[in-house]
Amino acid sequence: MEFPLLHFQLVEDSMIKLDRICREANVMLIFARSYGLTGFVRISLKEHAVIESKPDHFLDDLRLNNPWPELRGFAETIDLNVSDPVVHKHTPYVVILVKMAEQWTKSHDGKLPSTREEKKEFKDLLKSKMIAMDEDNYKEAIEASFKVFAPRGISSNLQQIIDDSRADVDSSSSNFWVMVASLKEFIANEGGGEAPLEGSIPDMTSSTEHYVNLQKIYQAKAEADFLVIEQRVRNILKKIGRDPDSISKANIKSFSKNARKLTVSVCLMITLFSTLRRSLNIRPILYLDQLHVVLT
């Protein structure tokens, strides 16, 4: 494991020289300089790839807008028109939305709701299926209906990562970019334009039997996707002349589970910032992920 290099109160010329050396070795460099009660902290490294980014807000990976065969097959075994009120109010909202979305597409040329009017009409369709006011599962379905309207495929951020030239790997590529290369292949082939499934489902109103069965379906799909990613990683490692087992199963599994949330950050070189600062005649006040400057 490489540890970051910390330096304090360096003059700018020394910062630039040290930054260049650390970038060539791909070592994180942290500068700190104080000016009385103010100062700056500057983090510099060639790139920082994060697999478990843990974003504050991210849509659950339920694939309600693009269910795979096993999920669709499970939904087909459940009757939404069942007369038993207890059974009716314990049908999980995932099943309700998968079935109602399929019903909608059959009468709308295979298309999901897209306009404001269509989305409202879809929610009204969900409301019409309620047989009692206390059916929390249908209320959850209405609240989660926006997940059906979400666009299919991957985010623009993930698209940018798999399109990066570093995804064209060789023997000197990092483990992260080798796994990105496998992800790119997966999305273009087995994934059908989607990233590997995460495999977890949120809490919801449901009978224990339905919830456990639903959980198993999501976990099985996530495991199947992971196994494809793992095999592709092994094949790529062998192709570029590296040990096929040089990336651990645990790392690949974590990558597969978090593939939708990958982030890659690149810091501005000290020498480039120095040139920018001089050209704009600005003096640094504070650096902490973002650049804050005051014109002089």
Protein backbone atom coordinates (compact mmCIF):
# COMPACT_ATOMS: atom_id res chain seq x y z
CA MET A 1 0.00 0.00 0.00
CA GLU A 2 1.36 3.45 -0.95
CA PHE A 3 1.11 6.21 1.65
CA PRO A 4 0.65 9.88 0.75
CA LEU A 5 3.57 12.28 1.01
CA LEU A 6 2.91 15.38 3.14
CA HIS A 7 4.84 18.65 2.93
CA PHE A 8 4.34 21.95 4.68
CA GLN A 9 5.40 25.52 3.96
CA LEU A 10 7.20 24.71 0.69
CA VAL A 11 7.89 27.50 -1.76
CA GLU A 12 6.12 27.24 -5.11
CA ASP A 13 9.15 26.14 -7.19
CA SER A 14 9.82 23.26 -4.80
CA MET A 15 6.14 22.30 -4.87
CA ILE A 16 6.21 22.07 -8.66
CA LYS A 17 9.35 19.88 -8.72
CA LEU A 18 8.04 17.54 -6.01
CA ASP A 19 4.64 17.31 -7.69
CA ARG A 20 6.23 16.19 -10.95
CA ILE A 21 8.25 13.47 -9.20
CA CYS A 22 5.25 12.14 -7.25
CA ARG A 23 3.00 12.09 -10.31
CA GLU A 24 5.52 9.99 -12.23
CA ALA A 25 5.49 7.51 -9.35
CA ASN A 26 1.70 7.85 -8.94
CA VAL A 27 2.09 8.82 -5.26
CA MET A 28 -0.43 11.14 -3.61
CA LEU A 29 1.09 14.46 -2.55
CA ILE A 30 -0.48 16.77 0.03
CA PHE A 31 0.73 20.35 0.39
CA ALA A 32 -0.22 22.62 3.25
CA ARG A 33 0.77 26.23 3.81
CA SER A 34 -0.46 28.67 6.40
CA TYR A 35 -0.69 32.43 6.25
CA GLY A 36 -1.56 33.44 9.79
CA LEU A 37 -5.20 32.48 10.28
CA THR A 38 -5.69 31.37 6.68
CA GLY A 39 -3.86 29.15 4.21
CA PHE A 40 -4.38 26.34 1.76
CA VAL A 41 -4.34 22.57 1.48
CA ARG A 42 -3.64 21.10 -1.94
CA ILE A 43 -3.98 17.42 -2.87
CA SER A 44 -2.19 16.32 -6.01
CA LEU A 45 -2.12 12.92 -7.71
CA LYS A 46 -2.33 11.57 -11.23
CA GLU A 47 -5.77 10.02 -10.69
CA HIS A 48 -7.98 8.83 -7.87
CA ALA A 49 -10.34 5.98 -8.77
CA VAL A 50 -13.11 5.23 -6.28
CA ILE A 51 -15.12 2.01 -6.45
CA GLU A 52 -17.25 2.37 -3.32
CA SER A 53 -18.07 6.06 -3.75
CA LYS A 54 -21.21 5.90 -1.54
CA PRO A 55 -23.10 8.81 -3.14
CA ASP A 56 -25.71 10.53 -0.96
CA HIS A 57 -28.48 10.11 -3.51
CA PHE A 58 -28.66 7.27 -5.99
CA LEU A 59 -31.58 5.43 -7.54
CA ASP A 60 -32.12 1.86 -6.29
CA ASP A 61 -30.96 -0.66 -8.86
CA LEU A 62 -34.30 -2.46 -9.27
CA ARG A 63 -34.53 -2.50 -13.10
CA LEU A 64 -38.26 -1.82 -13.00
CA ASN A 65 -37.92 -0.18 -16.41
CA ASN A 66 -35.99 -3.14 -17.81
CA PRO A 67 -36.76 -6.37 -15.88
CA TRP A 68 -34.77 -9.49 -16.74
CA PRO A 69 -36.61 -12.76 -17.52
CA GLU A 70 -36.48 -14.22 -13.98
CA LEU A 71 -37.91 -11.08 -12.41
CA ARG A 72 -40.61 -10.85 -15.07
CA GLY A 73 -41.40 -14.54 -14.62
CA PHE A 74 -41.76 -14.14 -10.85
CA ALA A 75 -44.12 -11.21 -11.31
CA GLU A 76 -46.25 -13.26 -13.69
CA THR A 77 -46.90 -15.84 -10.96
CA ILE A 78 -48.63 -13.24 -8.79
CA ASP A 79 -52.23 -12.19 -9.42
CA LEU A 80 -52.90 -8.51 -8.70
CA ASN A 81 -56.63 -9.14 -8.88
CA VAL A 82 -56.68 -11.60 -5.99
CA SER A 83 -59.82 -11.24 -3.88
CA ASP A 84 -58.19 -11.90 -0.51
CA PRO A 85 -57.58 -8.42 0.99
CA VAL A 86 -54.67 -9.62 3.15
CA VAL A 87 -52.86 -11.11 0.16
CA HIS A 88 -53.68 -8.05 -1.97
CA LYS A 89 -52.09 -5.62 0.49
CA HIS A 90 -48.94 -7.73 0.87
CA THR A 91 -47.90 -7.87 -2.78
CA PRO A 92 -44.50 -6.07 -2.97
CA TYR A 93 -44.48 -2.84 -4.94
CA VAL A 94 -41.70 -4.16 -7.20
CA VAL A 95 -44.09 -6.82 -8.51
CA ILE A 96 -46.92 -4.30 -8.86
CA LEU A 97 -44.79 -1.93 -10.91
CA VAL A 98 -43.29 -4.64 -13.12
CA LYS A 99 -46.75 -6.00 -13.96
CA MET A 100 -48.38 -2.59 -14.44
CA ALA A 101 -45.51 -1.36 -16.59
CA GLU A 102 -45.89 -4.43 -18.80
CA GLN A 103 -49.62 -3.81 -19.03
CA TRP A 104 -48.95 -0.19 -19.99
CA THR A 105 -46.43 -1.03 -22.73
CA LYS A 106 -48.83 -3.50 -24.35
CA SER A 107 -51.28 -0.68 -25.00
CA HIS A 108 -48.67 2.00 -25.82
CA ASP A 109 -46.59 0.48 -28.61
CA GLY A 110 -44.05 -1.01 -26.19
CA LYS A 111 -43.20 2.38 -24.66
CA LEU A 112 -43.12 3.34 -21.00
CA PRO A 113 -44.68 6.60 -19.74
CA SER A 114 -42.57 9.60 -20.71
CA THR A 115 -44.68 12.76 -20.72
CA ARG A 116 -46.15 14.42 -17.65
CA GLU A 117 -49.63 13.40 -18.73
CA GLU A 118 -48.62 9.77 -19.26
CA LYS A 119 -46.89 9.59 -15.88
CA LYS A 120 -49.99 10.95 -14.18
CA GLU A 121 -52.13 8.47 -16.08
CA PHE A 122 -49.86 5.62 -14.96
CA LYS A 123 -50.15 6.68 -11.32
CA ASP A 124 -53.92 6.86 -11.70
CA LEU A 125 -53.83 3.33 -13.10
CA LEU A 126 -52.00 2.20 -9.96
CA LYS A 127 -54.56 3.92 -7.74
CA SER A 128 -57.38 2.17 -9.56
CA LYS A 129 -55.99 -1.19 -8.50
CA MET A 130 -56.33 -0.41 -4.79
CA ILE A 131 -59.24 -2.12 -3.01
CA ALA A 132 -58.73 -0.38 0.34
CA MET A 133 -57.34 2.93 1.59
CA ASP A 134 -54.81 1.28 3.93
CA GLU A 135 -52.86 -0.59 1.24
CA ASP A 136 -49.35 0.67 1.91
CA ASN A 137 -47.89 -1.50 -0.83
CA TYR A 138 -49.84 0.40 -3.49
CA LYS A 139 -48.93 3.71 -1.90
CA GLU A 140 -45.28 2.64 -2.12
CA ALA A 141 -45.81 1.68 -5.77
CA ILE A 142 -47.21 5.13 -6.56
CA GLU A 143 -44.34 6.86 -4.74
CA ALA A 144 -41.76 4.66 -6.51
CA SER A 145 -43.37 4.88 -9.95
CA PHE A 146 -40.69 7.35 -11.07
CA LYS A 147 -38.28 4.38 -11.11
CA VAL A 148 -40.29 2.97 -14.01
CA PHE A 149 -39.88 6.28 -15.88
CA ALA A 150 -36.09 6.42 -15.37
CA PRO A 151 -34.06 6.07 -18.57
CA ARG A 152 -32.52 2.70 -19.29
CA GLY A 153 -28.80 2.15 -19.59
CA ILE A 154 -25.85 3.68 -17.77
CA SER A 155 -25.18 7.20 -16.51
CA SER A 156 -23.19 9.76 -18.50
CA ASN A 157 -20.48 9.59 -15.83
CA LEU A 158 -20.06 5.83 -16.23
CA GLN A 159 -20.15 6.18 -20.01
CA GLN A 160 -17.32 8.67 -19.80
CA ILE A 161 -15.26 6.26 -17.68
CA ILE A 162 -15.64 3.25 -19.99
CA ASP A 163 -14.92 5.47 -23.01
CA ASP A 164 -11.67 6.70 -21.45
CA SER A 165 -8.52 5.74 -23.37
CA ARG A 166 -7.17 4.12 -20.18
CA ALA A 167 -9.81 1.40 -20.62
CA ASP A 168 -7.67 0.16 -23.53
CA VAL A 169 -5.41 -1.74 -21.17
CA ASP A 170 -1.94 -3.23 -21.36
CA SER A 171 0.45 -4.92 -18.92
CA SER A 172 1.14 -1.62 -17.13
CA SER A 173 -2.52 -0.76 -16.51
CA SER A 174 -3.82 -0.57 -12.95
CA ASN A 175 -6.25 -3.14 -11.58
CA PHE A 176 -9.00 -0.55 -11.69
CA TRP A 177 -8.70 0.03 -15.44
CA VAL A 178 -8.47 -3.70 -16.13
CA MET A 179 -11.82 -4.09 -14.37
CA VAL A 180 -13.21 -1.11 -16.28
CA ALA A 181 -12.20 -2.85 -19.51
CA SER A 182 -14.15 -5.93 -18.42
CA LEU A 183 -17.13 -3.73 -17.49
CA LYS A 184 -17.06 -2.13 -20.93
CA GLU A 185 -17.22 -5.57 -22.55
CA PHE A 186 -20.03 -6.67 -20.21
CA ILE A 187 -22.18 -3.62 -20.96
CA ALA A 188 -21.74 -4.12 -24.69
CA ASN A 189 -22.58 -7.83 -24.51
CA GLU A 190 -24.21 -9.70 -21.62
CA GLY A 191 -25.45 -6.53 -19.93
CA GLY A 192 -27.41 -5.35 -22.94
CA GLY A 193 -26.46 -1.74 -22.23
CA GLU A 194 -26.77 -2.08 -18.44
CA ALA A 195 -24.14 -2.34 -15.70
CA PRO A 196 -24.02 -5.42 -13.44
CA LEU A 197 -26.94 -5.59 -11.02
CA GLU A 198 -26.19 -4.59 -7.43
CA GLY A 199 -28.44 -7.30 -6.00
CA SER A 200 -30.01 -5.55 -3.01
CA ILE A 201 -33.61 -4.45 -2.54
CA PRO A 202 -35.03 -1.87 -0.12
CA ASP A 203 -37.52 -2.54 2.64
CA MET A 204 -41.12 -2.68 1.42
CA THR A 205 -44.55 -3.83 2.46
CA SER A 206 -44.72 -7.50 1.54
CA SER A 207 -45.42 -10.96 2.80
CA THR A 208 -42.27 -12.66 4.08
CA GLU A 209 -42.49 -15.30 1.37
CA HIS A 210 -42.71 -12.79 -1.48
CA TYR A 211 -39.93 -10.62 -0.06
CA VAL A 212 -37.52 -13.52 0.46
CA ASN A 213 -38.20 -14.89 -3.03
CA LEU A 214 -37.73 -11.43 -4.53
CA GLN A 215 -34.48 -10.99 -2.64
CA LYS A 216 -33.18 -14.33 -3.94
CA ILE A 217 -34.00 -13.33 -7.52
CA TYR A 218 -32.03 -10.08 -7.23
CA GLN A 219 -29.11 -11.78 -5.50
CA ALA A 220 -28.98 -14.55 -8.11
CA LYS A 221 -28.90 -12.02 -10.95
CA ALA A 222 -26.15 -9.99 -9.24
CA GLU A 223 -24.10 -13.16 -8.69
CA ALA A 224 -24.52 -14.20 -12.32
CA ASP A 225 -23.40 -10.75 -13.51
CA PHE A 226 -20.40 -10.84 -11.16
CA LEU A 227 -19.30 -14.24 -12.50
CA VAL A 228 -19.34 -12.86 -16.05
CA ILE A 229 -17.34 -9.81 -14.99
CA GLU A 230 -14.85 -12.02 -13.12
CA GLN A 231 -14.31 -14.28 -16.14
CA ARG A 232 -13.80 -11.26 -18.39
CA VAL A 233 -11.25 -9.81 -15.94
CA ARG A 234 -9.33 -13.12 -15.91
CA ASN A 235 -9.38 -13.26 -19.72
CA ILE A 236 -8.13 -9.68 -20.05
CA LEU A 237 -5.32 -10.25 -17.53
CA LYS A 238 -4.19 -13.31 -19.46
CA LYS A 239 -4.39 -11.39 -22.75
CA ILE A 240 -2.12 -8.59 -21.51
CA GLY A 241 0.41 -11.02 -20.07
CA ARG A 242 -0.44 -10.77 -16.39
CA ASP A 243 -1.36 -13.44 -13.85
CA PRO A 244 -5.10 -14.13 -14.35
CA ASP A 245 -5.48 -14.39 -10.55
CA SER A 246 -3.63 -11.15 -9.75
CA ILE A 247 -6.90 -9.35 -8.95
CA SER A 248 -8.71 -10.92 -6.02
CA LYS A 249 -12.23 -12.28 -6.25
CA ALA A 250 -13.29 -9.92 -3.43
CA ASN A 251 -12.08 -6.85 -5.32
CA ILE A 252 -13.85 -7.91 -8.51
CA LYS A 253 -17.05 -8.58 -6.57
CA SER A 254 -16.94 -5.15 -4.94
CA PHE A 255 -16.29 -3.57 -8.35
CA SER A 256 -19.21 -5.44 -9.92
CA LYS A 257 -21.60 -4.47 -7.14
CA ASN A 258 -20.63 -0.81 -7.26
CA ALA A 259 -20.08 -0.48 -11.01
CA ARG A 260 -22.86 2.09 -11.45
CA LYS A 261 -21.22 4.41 -8.92
CA LEU A 262 -17.60 4.46 -10.07
CA THR A 263 -15.81 7.79 -9.96
CA VAL A 264 -12.43 8.90 -11.26
CA SER A 265 -10.94 12.21 -10.12
CA VAL A 266 -7.96 13.91 -11.72
CA CYS A 267 -6.17 16.74 -9.91
CA LEU A 268 -4.72 19.74 -11.71
CA MET A 269 -0.92 19.69 -11.75
CA ILE A 270 0.72 22.29 -9.53
CA THR A 271 2.64 23.67 -12.49
CA LEU A 272 -0.57 24.10 -14.51
CA PHE A 273 -2.31 25.81 -11.62
CA SER A 274 0.71 28.06 -11.07
CA THR A 275 0.60 29.14 -14.72
CA LEU A 276 -3.16 29.75 -14.48
CA ARG A 277 -2.79 31.74 -11.28
CA ARG A 278 -0.12 34.00 -12.76
CA SER A 279 -1.99 34.55 -16.01
CA LEU A 280 -5.15 35.55 -14.12
CA ASN A 281 -3.26 37.51 -11.44
CA ILE A 282 -4.94 35.69 -8.55
CA ARG A 283 -3.68 34.76 -5.13
CA PRO A 284 -4.65 31.50 -3.40
CA ILE A 285 -6.85 31.69 -0.32
CA LEU A 286 -7.87 28.07 0.31
CA TYR A 287 -7.84 24.77 -1.52
CA LEU A 288 -9.96 21.86 -0.38
CA ASP A 289 -11.18 19.81 -3.36
CA GLN A 290 -12.34 23.03 -4.99
CA LEU A 291 -10.41 26.17 -5.93
CA HIS A 292 -11.32 29.35 -4.11
CA VAL A 293 -9.55 32.52 -5.28
CA VAL A 294 -9.71 36.26 -4.78
CA LEU A 295 -8.88 38.61 -7.62
CA THR A 296 -6.18 41.17 -6.79
